[in-house]
């Protein structure tokens, strides 16, 4: 087998990573996992889900099949075009103790759009977010409170992974964890609560 074929396939998979980000984002925006959790272990068909979240049945079916191929949701064995939760999809539930739904919504929303200006950032050294939106990230959130609420929820999601075995992470550990998600640590802010707020920006 030609080794370059494996390399080509791997590079193509990496290059298409933005597709996966948006697939997850749409599922999170439509609260698919919440609807499936409410329906119980039998799950729902794509058409039933579409009716509950205001989507086109055929388009949603294709989205769910794509996510199922990645282990996010699974096709039901009991009903055609039906889908059920998987352990990975559980993390998209709003009420899951380890929920990352808001974090996915944040990454797939304004931060996803800002990444389109990464070339400008690399060439100039300037913030891609500021270049794309015309103002710093926290100013933008102040002017867009609905998205700001999602950001707050995302930071709450992220705070659940701030500790390892009851031990608070060091700044270096935070930076390493954020780097894996394409973000850069901008600051750690203590709060009156037991957890700090980790401020992150697009890398």
Foldseek 3Di string as FASTA:
>chain_A
DDPVVVVVVVVVVVVCVLVVLQLLLVCLVLQQQQVQVVVPQQAAALVVSCVVRVHDSVVSLVSQVVVVVVVAWHAGPPDPNGIHGGPVVNLSHPPDPLHQSLVSNLCNPLVVQLVVQVVVCVVPVDRSSCVRPVHDDVVVCVVVVVNVVSVVVNQVSVQVPQDDPNHGDDPVVVQVVVVVVQWGFDDWADDPDPTIGTDIHGD
